[in-house]
Amino acid sequence: AGALVATVVGEGGLHVKAYASGEDFSRIAVGAPAAIQ
């Protein structure tokens, strides 16, 4: 129960689901530029 059994990818763009340190929570704002790799 609750286990992943399948993943389906539809049309659309890409995003990155990232996890930052909790100490930086107050310094992250929606819309802020980001560099990937």
PDB file of all heavy atoms in Angstrom:
ATOM      1  N   ALA A   1       0.846  -1.194   0.000  1.00  0.00           N
ATOM      2  CA  ALA A   1       0.000   0.000   0.000  1.00  0.00           C
ATOM      3  C   ALA A   1       0.881   1.244   0.000  1.00  0.00           C
ATOM      4  O   ALA A   1       1.789   1.380   0.815  1.00  0.00           O
ATOM      5  CB  ALA A   1      -0.915  -0.006   1.213  1.00  0.00           C
ATOM      6  N   GLY A   2       0.641   2.149  -0.946  1.00  0.00           N
ATOM      7  CA  GLY A   2       1.428   3.370  -1.059  1.00  0.00           C
ATOM      8  C   GLY A   2       2.665   3.245  -1.924  1.00  0.00           C
ATOM      9  O   GLY A   2       3.359   4.242  -2.166  1.00  0.00           O
ATOM     10  N   ALA A   3       2.970   2.040  -2.419  1.00  0.00           N
ATOM     11  CA  ALA A   3       4.175   1.826  -3.227  1.00  0.00           C
ATOM     12  C   ALA A   3       3.926   2.255  -4.676  1.00  0.00           C
ATOM     13  O   ALA A   3       2.834   2.111  -5.210  1.00  0.00           O
ATOM     14  CB  ALA A   3       4.600   0.361  -3.191  1.00  0.00           C
ATOM     15  N   LEU A   4       4.978   2.774  -5.316  1.00  0.00           N
ATOM     16  CA  LEU A   4       4.902   3.159  -6.727  1.00  0.00           C
ATOM     17  C   LEU A   4       4.813   1.915  -7.597  1.00  0.00           C
ATOM     18  O   LEU A   4       5.612   0.994  -7.472  1.00  0.00           O
ATOM     19  CB  LEU A   4       6.142   3.970  -7.113  1.00  0.00           C
ATOM     20  CG  LEU A   4       6.225   4.449  -8.567  1.00  0.00           C
ATOM     21  CD1 LEU A   4       5.204   5.562  -8.802  1.00  0.00           C
ATOM     22  CD2 LEU A   4       7.627   4.948  -8.891  1.00  0.00           C
ATOM     23  N   VAL A   5       3.821   1.873  -8.488  1.00  0.00           N
ATOM     24  CA  VAL A   5       3.659   0.714  -9.373  1.00  0.00           C
ATOM     25  C   VAL A   5       3.849   1.086 -10.845  1.00  0.00           C
ATOM     26  O   VAL A   5       4.080   0.212 -11.674  1.00  0.00           O
ATOM     27  CB  VAL A   5       2.285   0.053  -9.184  1.00  0.00           C
ATOM     28  CG1 VAL A   5       2.166  -0.536  -7.785  1.00  0.00           C
ATOM     29  CG2 VAL A   5       1.155   1.042  -9.415  1.00  0.00           C
ATOM     30  N   ALA A   6       3.760   2.382 -11.184  1.00  0.00           N
ATOM     31  CA  ALA A   6       3.958   2.799 -12.575  1.00  0.00           C
ATOM     32  C   ALA A   6       4.118   4.314 -12.630  1.00  0.00           C
ATOM     33  O   ALA A   6       3.617   5.043 -11.760  1.00  0.00           O
ATOM     34  CB  ALA A   6       2.786   2.367 -13.461  1.00  0.00           C
ATOM     35  N   THR A   7       4.835   4.778 -13.650  1.00  0.00           N
ATOM     36  CA  THR A   7       4.973   6.210 -13.915  1.00  0.00           C
ATOM     37  C   THR A   7       4.660   6.456 -15.377  1.00  0.00           C
ATOM     38  O   THR A   7       5.189   5.769 -16.255  1.00  0.00           O
ATOM     39  CB  THR A   7       6.394   6.716 -13.604  1.00  0.00           C
ATOM     40  OG1 THR A   7       6.654   6.542 -12.209  1.00  0.00           O
ATOM     41  CG2 THR A   7       6.531   8.193 -13.941  1.00  0.00           C
ATOM     42  N   VAL A   8       3.788   7.432 -15.634  1.00  0.00           N
ATOM     43  CA  VAL A   8       3.415   7.798 -17.000  1.00  0.00           C
ATOM     44  C   VAL A   8       3.830   9.251 -17.219  1.00  0.00           C
ATOM     45  O   VAL A   8       3.525  10.128 -16.400  1.00  0.00           O
ATOM     46  CB  VAL A   8       1.901   7.641 -17.237  1.00  0.00           C
ATOM     47  CG1 VAL A   8       1.535   8.078 -18.653  1.00  0.00           C
ATOM     48  CG2 VAL A   8       1.482   6.196 -17.014  1.00  0.00           C
ATOM     49  N   VAL A   9       4.532   9.506 -18.317  1.00  0.00           N
ATOM     50  CA  VAL A   9       4.997  10.850 -18.652  1.00  0.00           C
ATOM     51  C   VAL A   9       4.190  11.359 -19.840  1.00  0.00           C
ATOM     52  O   VAL A   9       4.183  10.748 -20.907  1.00  0.00           O
ATOM     53  CB  VAL A   9       6.506  10.852 -18.991  1.00  0.00           C
ATOM     54  CG1 VAL A   9       6.949  12.241 -19.418  1.00  0.00           C
ATOM     55  CG2 VAL A   9       7.304  10.377 -17.798  1.00  0.00           C
ATOM     56  N   GLY A  10       3.493  12.470 -19.633  1.00  0.00           N
ATOM     57  CA  GLY A  10       2.697  13.068 -20.693  1.00  0.00           C
ATOM     58  C   GLY A  10       3.430  14.201 -21.372  1.00  0.00           C
ATOM     59  O   GLY A  10       4.623  14.427 -21.144  1.00  0.00           O
ATOM     60  N   GLU A  11       2.717  14.927 -22.207  1.00  0.00           N
ATOM     61  CA  GLU A  11       3.314  16.061 -22.897  1.00  0.00           C
ATOM     62  C   GLU A  11       3.493  17.221 -21.925  1.00  0.00           C
ATOM     63  O   GLU A  11       2.768  17.366 -20.955  1.00  0.00           O
ATOM     64  CB  GLU A  11       2.429  16.497 -24.067  1.00  0.00           C
ATOM     65  CG  GLU A  11       2.292  15.431 -25.152  1.00  0.00           C
ATOM     66  CD  GLU A  11       1.432  15.910 -26.305  1.00  0.00           C
ATOM     67  OE1 GLU A  11       0.907  17.043 -26.206  1.00  0.00           O
ATOM     68  OE2 GLU A  11       1.292  15.161 -27.277  1.00  0.00           O
ATOM     69  N   GLY A  12       4.468  18.083 -22.216  1.00  0.00           N
ATOM     70  CA  GLY A  12       4.731  19.237 -21.359  1.00  0.00           C
ATOM     71  C   GLY A  12       6.214  19.438 -21.171  1.00  0.00           C
ATOM     72  O   GLY A  12       7.050  18.651 -21.621  1.00  0.00           O
ATOM     73  N   GLY A  13       6.556  20.531 -20.479  1.00  0.00           N
ATOM     74  CA  GLY A  13       7.953  20.855 -20.238  1.00  0.00           C
ATOM     75  C   GLY A  13       8.552  20.030 -19.119  1.00  0.00           C
ATOM     76  O   GLY A  13       7.945  19.068 -18.630  1.00  0.00           O
ATOM     77  N   LEU A  14       9.755  20.410 -18.715  1.00  0.00           N
ATOM     78  CA  LEU A  14      10.466  19.710 -17.660  1.00  0.00           C
ATOM     79  C   LEU A  14      10.625  20.627 -16.449  1.00  0.00           C
ATOM     80  O   LEU A  14      10.643  21.842 -16.573  1.00  0.00           O
ATOM     81  CB  LEU A  14      11.846  19.253 -18.134  1.00  0.00           C
ATOM     82  CG  LEU A  14      11.899  18.291 -19.315  1.00  0.00           C
ATOM     83  CD1 LEU A  14      13.348  17.959 -19.647  1.00  0.00           C
ATOM     84  CD2 LEU A  14      11.130  17.024 -19.026  1.00  0.00           C
ATOM     85  N   HIS A  15      10.730  20.007 -15.290  1.00  0.00           N
ATOM     86  CA  HIS A  15      11.097  20.748 -14.087  1.00  0.00           C
ATOM     87  C   HIS A  15      12.007  19.875 -13.242  1.00  0.00           C
ATOM     88  O   HIS A  15      12.125  18.668 -13.469  1.00  0.00           O
ATOM     89  CB  HIS A  15       9.857  21.205 -13.302  1.00  0.00           C
ATOM     90  CG  HIS A  15       9.096  20.088 -12.662  1.00  0.00           C
ATOM     91  ND1 HIS A  15       7.772  19.843 -12.912  1.00  0.00           N
ATOM     92  CD2 HIS A  15       9.456  19.138 -11.758  1.00  0.00           C
ATOM     93  CE1 HIS A  15       7.365  18.811 -12.202  1.00  0.00           C
ATOM     94  NE2 HIS A  15       8.370  18.360 -11.504  1.00  0.00           N
ATOM     95  N   VAL A  16      12.653  20.498 -12.266  1.00  0.00           N
ATOM     96  CA  VAL A  16      13.531  19.781 -11.343  1.00  0.00           C
ATOM     97  C   VAL A  16      12.895  19.828  -9.958  1.00  0.00           C
ATOM     98  O   VAL A  16      12.567  20.917  -9.461  1.00  0.00           O
ATOM     99  CB  VAL A  16      14.940  20.400 -11.293  1.00  0.00           C
ATOM    100  CG1 VAL A  16      15.788  19.693 -10.240  1.00  0.00           C
ATOM    101  CG2 VAL A  16      15.608  20.313 -12.653  1.00  0.00           C
ATOM    102  N   LYS A  17      12.692  18.665  -9.356  1.00  0.00           N
ATOM    103  CA  LYS A  17      12.253  18.611  -7.966  1.00  0.00           C
ATOM    104  C   LYS A  17      13.505  18.505  -7.110  1.00  0.00           C
ATOM    105  O   LYS A  17      14.186  17.490  -7.111  1.00  0.00           O
ATOM    106  CB  LYS A  17      11.323  17.421  -7.724  1.00  0.00           C
ATOM    107  CG  LYS A  17      10.822  17.317  -6.279  1.00  0.00           C
ATOM    108  CD  LYS A  17       9.991  16.073  -6.046  1.00  0.00           C
ATOM    109  CE  LYS A  17       8.646  16.166  -6.734  1.00  0.00           C
ATOM    110  NZ  LYS A  17       7.784  14.992  -6.389  1.00  0.00           N
ATOM    111  N   ALA A  18      13.811  19.590  -6.402  1.00  0.00           N
ATOM    112  CA  ALA A  18      15.058  19.661  -5.641  1.00  0.00           C
ATOM    113  C   ALA A  18      14.752  19.803  -4.149  1.00  0.00           C
ATOM    114  O   ALA A  18      13.656  20.231  -3.756  1.00  0.00           O
ATOM    115  CB  ALA A  18      15.906  20.840  -6.113  1.00  0.00           C
ATOM    116  N   TYR A  19      15.753  19.462  -3.338  1.00  0.00           N
ATOM    117  CA  TYR A  19      15.611  19.552  -1.891  1.00  0.00           C
ATOM    118  C   TYR A  19      16.787  20.350  -1.338  1.00  0.00           C
ATOM    119  O   TYR A  19      17.942  19.954  -1.462  1.00  0.00           O
ATOM    120  CB  TYR A  19      15.561  18.166  -1.257  1.00  0.00           C
ATOM    121  CG  TYR A  19      14.320  17.401  -1.642  1.00  0.00           C
ATOM    122  CD1 TYR A  19      14.299  16.597  -2.787  1.00  0.00           C
ATOM    123  CD2 TYR A  19      13.154  17.514  -0.897  1.00  0.00           C
ATOM    124  CE1 TYR A  19      13.153  15.915  -3.151  1.00  0.00           C
ATOM    125  CE2 TYR A  19      12.000  16.841  -1.266  1.00  0.00           C
ATOM    126  CZ  TYR A  19      12.009  16.038  -2.389  1.00  0.00           C
ATOM    127  OH  TYR A  19      10.866  15.373  -2.753  1.00  0.00           O
ATOM    128  N   ALA A  20      16.480  21.524  -0.741  1.00  0.00           N
ATOM    129  CA  ALA A  20      17.497  22.403  -0.176  1.00  0.00           C
ATOM    130  C   ALA A  20      17.503  22.272   1.337  1.00  0.00           C
ATOM    131  O   ALA A  20      16.539  21.782   1.947  1.00  0.00           O
ATOM    132  CB  ALA A  20      17.223  23.851  -0.583  1.00  0.00           C
ATOM    133  N   SER A  21      18.573  22.731   1.959  1.00  0.00           N
ATOM    134  CA  SER A  21      18.678  22.685   3.411  1.00  0.00           C
ATOM    135  C   SER A  21      17.575  23.528   4.044  1.00  0.00           C
ATOM    136  O   SER A  21      17.226  24.609   3.566  1.00  0.00           O
ATOM    137  CB  SER A  21      20.052  23.203   3.861  1.00  0.00           C
ATOM    138  OG  SER A  21      20.093  23.370   5.265  1.00  0.00           O
ATOM    139  N   GLY A  22      17.017  23.033   5.147  1.00  0.00           N
ATOM    140  CA  GLY A  22      15.974  23.777   5.837  1.00  0.00           C
ATOM    141  C   GLY A  22      16.441  25.137   6.322  1.00  0.00           C
ATOM    142  O   GLY A  22      15.627  26.057   6.493  1.00  0.00           O
ATOM    143  N   GLU A  23      17.754  25.296   6.541  1.00  0.00           N
ATOM    144  CA  GLU A  23      18.279  26.581   6.994  1.00  0.00           C
ATOM    145  C   GLU A  23      18.171  27.652   5.911  1.00  0.00           C
ATOM    146  O   GLU A  23      18.234  28.844   6.203  1.00  0.00           O
ATOM    147  CB  GLU A  23      19.749  26.416   7.426  1.00  0.00           C
ATOM    148  CG  GLU A  23      19.913  25.465   8.617  1.00  0.00           C
ATOM    149  CD  GLU A  23      21.366  25.280   8.997  1.00  0.00           C
ATOM    150  OE1 GLU A  23      22.227  25.925   8.360  1.00  0.00           O
ATOM    151  OE2 GLU A  23      21.642  24.501   9.925  1.00  0.00           O
ATOM    152  N   ASP A  24      18.007  27.235   4.666  1.00  0.00           N
ATOM    153  CA  ASP A  24      17.885  28.194   3.557  1.00  0.00           C
ATOM    154  C   ASP A  24      16.431  28.483   3.198  1.00  0.00           C
ATOM    155  O   ASP A  24      16.158  29.179   2.224  1.00  0.00           O
ATOM    156  CB  ASP A  24      18.600  27.640   2.315  1.00  0.00           C
ATOM    157  CG  ASP A  24      20.095  27.602   2.502  1.00  0.00           C
ATOM    158  OD1 ASP A  24      20.642  28.578   3.022  1.00  0.00           O
ATOM    159  OD2 ASP A  24      20.711  26.586   2.132  1.00  0.00           O
ATOM    160  N   PHE A  25      15.483  27.950   3.962  1.00  0.00           N
ATOM    161  CA  PHE A  25      14.064  28.080   3.629  1.00  0.00           C
ATOM    162  C   PHE A  25      13.653  29.538   3.418  1.00  0.00           C
ATOM    163  O   PHE A  25      12.960  29.879   2.449  1.00  0.00           O
ATOM    164  CB  PHE A  25      13.233  27.444   4.740  1.00  0.00           C
ATOM    165  CG  PHE A  25      11.751  27.584   4.558  1.00  0.00           C
ATOM    166  CD1 PHE A  25      11.132  27.142   3.399  1.00  0.00           C
ATOM    167  CD2 PHE A  25      10.961  28.161   5.537  1.00  0.00           C
ATOM    168  CE1 PHE A  25       9.764  27.271   3.223  1.00  0.00           C
ATOM    169  CE2 PHE A  25       9.596  28.303   5.373  1.00  0.00           C
ATOM    170  CZ  PHE A  25       8.996  27.859   4.215  1.00  0.00           C
ATOM    171  N   SER A  26      14.087  30.433   4.306  1.00  0.00           N
ATOM    172  CA  SER A  26      13.668  31.839   4.238  1.00  0.00           C
ATOM    173  C   SER A  26      14.334  32.598   3.097  1.00  0.00           C
ATOM    174  O   SER A  26      13.920  33.712   2.773  1.00  0.00           O
ATOM    175  CB  SER A  26      13.965  32.537   5.567  1.00  0.00           C
ATOM    176  OG  SER A  26      15.356  32.527   5.842  1.00  0.00           O
ATOM    177  N   ARG A  27      15.348  32.007   2.460  1.00  0.00           N
ATOM    178  CA  ARG A  27      16.098  32.730   1.426  1.00  0.00           C
ATOM    179  C   ARG A  27      15.730  32.265   0.014  1.00  0.00           C
ATOM    180  O   ARG A  27      16.355  32.659  -0.954  1.00  0.00           O
ATOM    181  CB  ARG A  27      17.601  32.541   1.635  1.00  0.00           C
ATOM    182  CG  ARG A  27      18.053  33.029   2.997  1.00  0.00           C
ATOM    183  CD  ARG A  27      19.563  33.171   3.125  1.00  0.00           C
ATOM    184  NE  ARG A  27      20.276  31.950   2.845  1.00  0.00           N
ATOM    185  CZ  ARG A  27      21.046  31.767   1.767  1.00  0.00           C
ATOM    186  NH1 ARG A  27      21.157  32.707   0.865  1.00  0.00           N
ATOM    187  NH2 ARG A  27      21.687  30.639   1.599  1.00  0.00           N
ATOM    188  N   ILE A  28      14.699  31.398  -0.092  1.00  0.00           N
ATOM    189  CA  ILE A  28      14.262  30.912  -1.403  1.00  0.00           C
ATOM    190  C   ILE A  28      12.921  31.543  -1.734  1.00  0.00           C
ATOM    191  O   ILE A  28      11.975  31.440  -0.948  1.00  0.00           O
ATOM    192  CB  ILE A  28      14.147  29.385  -1.416  1.00  0.00           C
ATOM    193  CG1 ILE A  28      15.467  28.735  -0.984  1.00  0.00           C
ATOM    194  CG2 ILE A  28      13.750  28.890  -2.795  1.00  0.00           C
ATOM    195  CD1 ILE A  28      15.376  27.235  -0.823  1.00  0.00           C
ATOM    196  N   ALA A  29      12.840  32.208  -2.878  1.00  0.00           N
ATOM    197  CA  ALA A  29      11.610  32.902  -3.262  1.00  0.00           C
ATOM    198  C   ALA A  29      11.116  32.388  -4.609  1.00  0.00           C
ATOM    199  O   ALA A  29      11.915  32.051  -5.500  1.00  0.00           O
ATOM    200  CB  ALA A  29      11.849  34.404  -3.331  1.00  0.00           C
ATOM    201  N   VAL A  30       9.785  32.314  -4.763  1.00  0.00           N
ATOM    202  CA  VAL A  30       9.202  31.936  -6.044  1.00  0.00           C
ATOM    203  C   VAL A  30       9.590  32.967  -7.102  1.00  0.00           C
ATOM    204  O   VAL A  30       9.516  34.173  -6.860  1.00  0.00           O
ATOM    205  CB  VAL A  30       7.664  31.835  -5.934  1.00  0.00           C
ATOM    206  CG1 VAL A  30       7.048  31.586  -7.294  1.00  0.00           C
ATOM    207  CG2 VAL A  30       7.269  30.738  -4.958  1.00  0.00           C
ATOM    208  N   GLY A  31      10.019  32.494  -8.263  1.00  0.00           N
ATOM    209  CA  GLY A  31      10.446  33.373  -9.340  1.00  0.00           C
ATOM    210  C   GLY A  31      11.937  33.615  -9.385  1.00  0.00           C
ATOM    211  O   GLY A  31      12.449  34.197 -10.354  1.00  0.00           O
ATOM    212  N   ALA A  32      12.672  33.200  -8.355  1.00  0.00           N
ATOM    213  CA  ALA A  32      14.122  33.426  -8.315  1.00  0.00           C
ATOM    214  C   ALA A  32      14.809  32.652  -9.438  1.00  0.00           C
ATOM    215  O   ALA A  32      14.464  31.501  -9.701  1.00  0.00           O
ATOM    216  CB  ALA A  32      14.676  33.003  -6.964  1.00  0.00           C
ATOM    217  N   PRO A  33      15.799  33.283 -10.116  1.00  0.00           N
ATOM    218  CA  PRO A  33      16.551  32.572 -11.156  1.00  0.00           C
ATOM    219  C   PRO A  33      17.335  31.414 -10.556  1.00  0.00           C
ATOM    220  O   PRO A  33      17.749  31.465  -9.395  1.00  0.00           O
ATOM    221  CB  PRO A  33      17.485  33.653 -11.716  1.00  0.00           C
ATOM    222  CG  PRO A  33      16.882  34.950 -11.295  1.00  0.00           C
ATOM    223  CD  PRO A  33      16.214  34.690  -9.982  1.00  0.00           C
ATOM    224  N   ALA A  34      17.561  30.389 -11.346  1.00  0.00           N
ATOM    225  CA  ALA A  34      18.315  29.228 -10.886  1.00  0.00           C
ATOM    226  C   ALA A  34      19.166  28.700 -12.027  1.00  0.00           C
ATOM    227  O   ALA A  34      18.806  28.818 -13.204  1.00  0.00           O
ATOM    228  CB  ALA A  34      17.377  28.139 -10.381  1.00  0.00           C
ATOM    229  N   ALA A  35      20.318  28.139 -11.667  1.00  0.00           N
ATOM    230  CA  ALA A  35      21.207  27.499 -12.636  1.00  0.00           C
ATOM    231  C   ALA A  35      21.181  25.994 -12.384  1.00  0.00           C
ATOM    232  O   ALA A  35      21.307  25.551 -11.237  1.00  0.00           O
ATOM    233  CB  ALA A  35      22.625  28.035 -12.506  1.00  0.00           C
ATOM    234  N   ILE A  36      21.012  25.214 -13.450  1.00  0.00           N
ATOM    235  CA  ILE A  36      20.947  23.758 -13.361  1.00  0.00           C
ATOM    236  C   ILE A  36      22.189  23.185 -14.022  1.00  0.00           C
ATOM    237  O   ILE A  36      22.496  23.511 -15.169  1.00  0.00           O
ATOM    238  CB  ILE A  36      19.679  23.225 -14.052  1.00  0.00           C
ATOM    239  CG1 ILE A  36      18.444  23.882 -13.440  1.00  0.00           C
ATOM    240  CG2 ILE A  36      19.599  21.704 -13.938  1.00  0.00           C
ATOM    241  CD1 ILE A  36      17.212  23.740 -14.291  1.00  0.00           C
ATOM    242  N   GLN A  37      22.904  22.363 -13.291  1.00  0.00           N
ATOM    243  CA  GLN A  37      24.172  21.803 -13.773  1.00  0.00           C
ATOM    244  C   GLN A  37      25.151  22.914 -14.162  1.00  0.00           C
ATOM    245  O   GLN A  37      25.949  22.757 -15.080  1.00  0.00           O
ATOM    246  CB  GLN A  37      23.939  20.864 -14.950  1.00  0.00           C
ATOM    247  CG  GLN A  37      23.189  19.593 -14.597  1.00  0.00           C
ATOM    248  CD  GLN A  37      23.947  18.682 -13.656  1.00  0.00           C
ATOM    249  OE1 GLN A  37      23.925  18.893 -12.440  1.00  0.00           O
ATOM    250  NE2 GLN A  37      24.618  17.683 -14.193  1.00  0.00           N
TER     251      GLN A  37
END
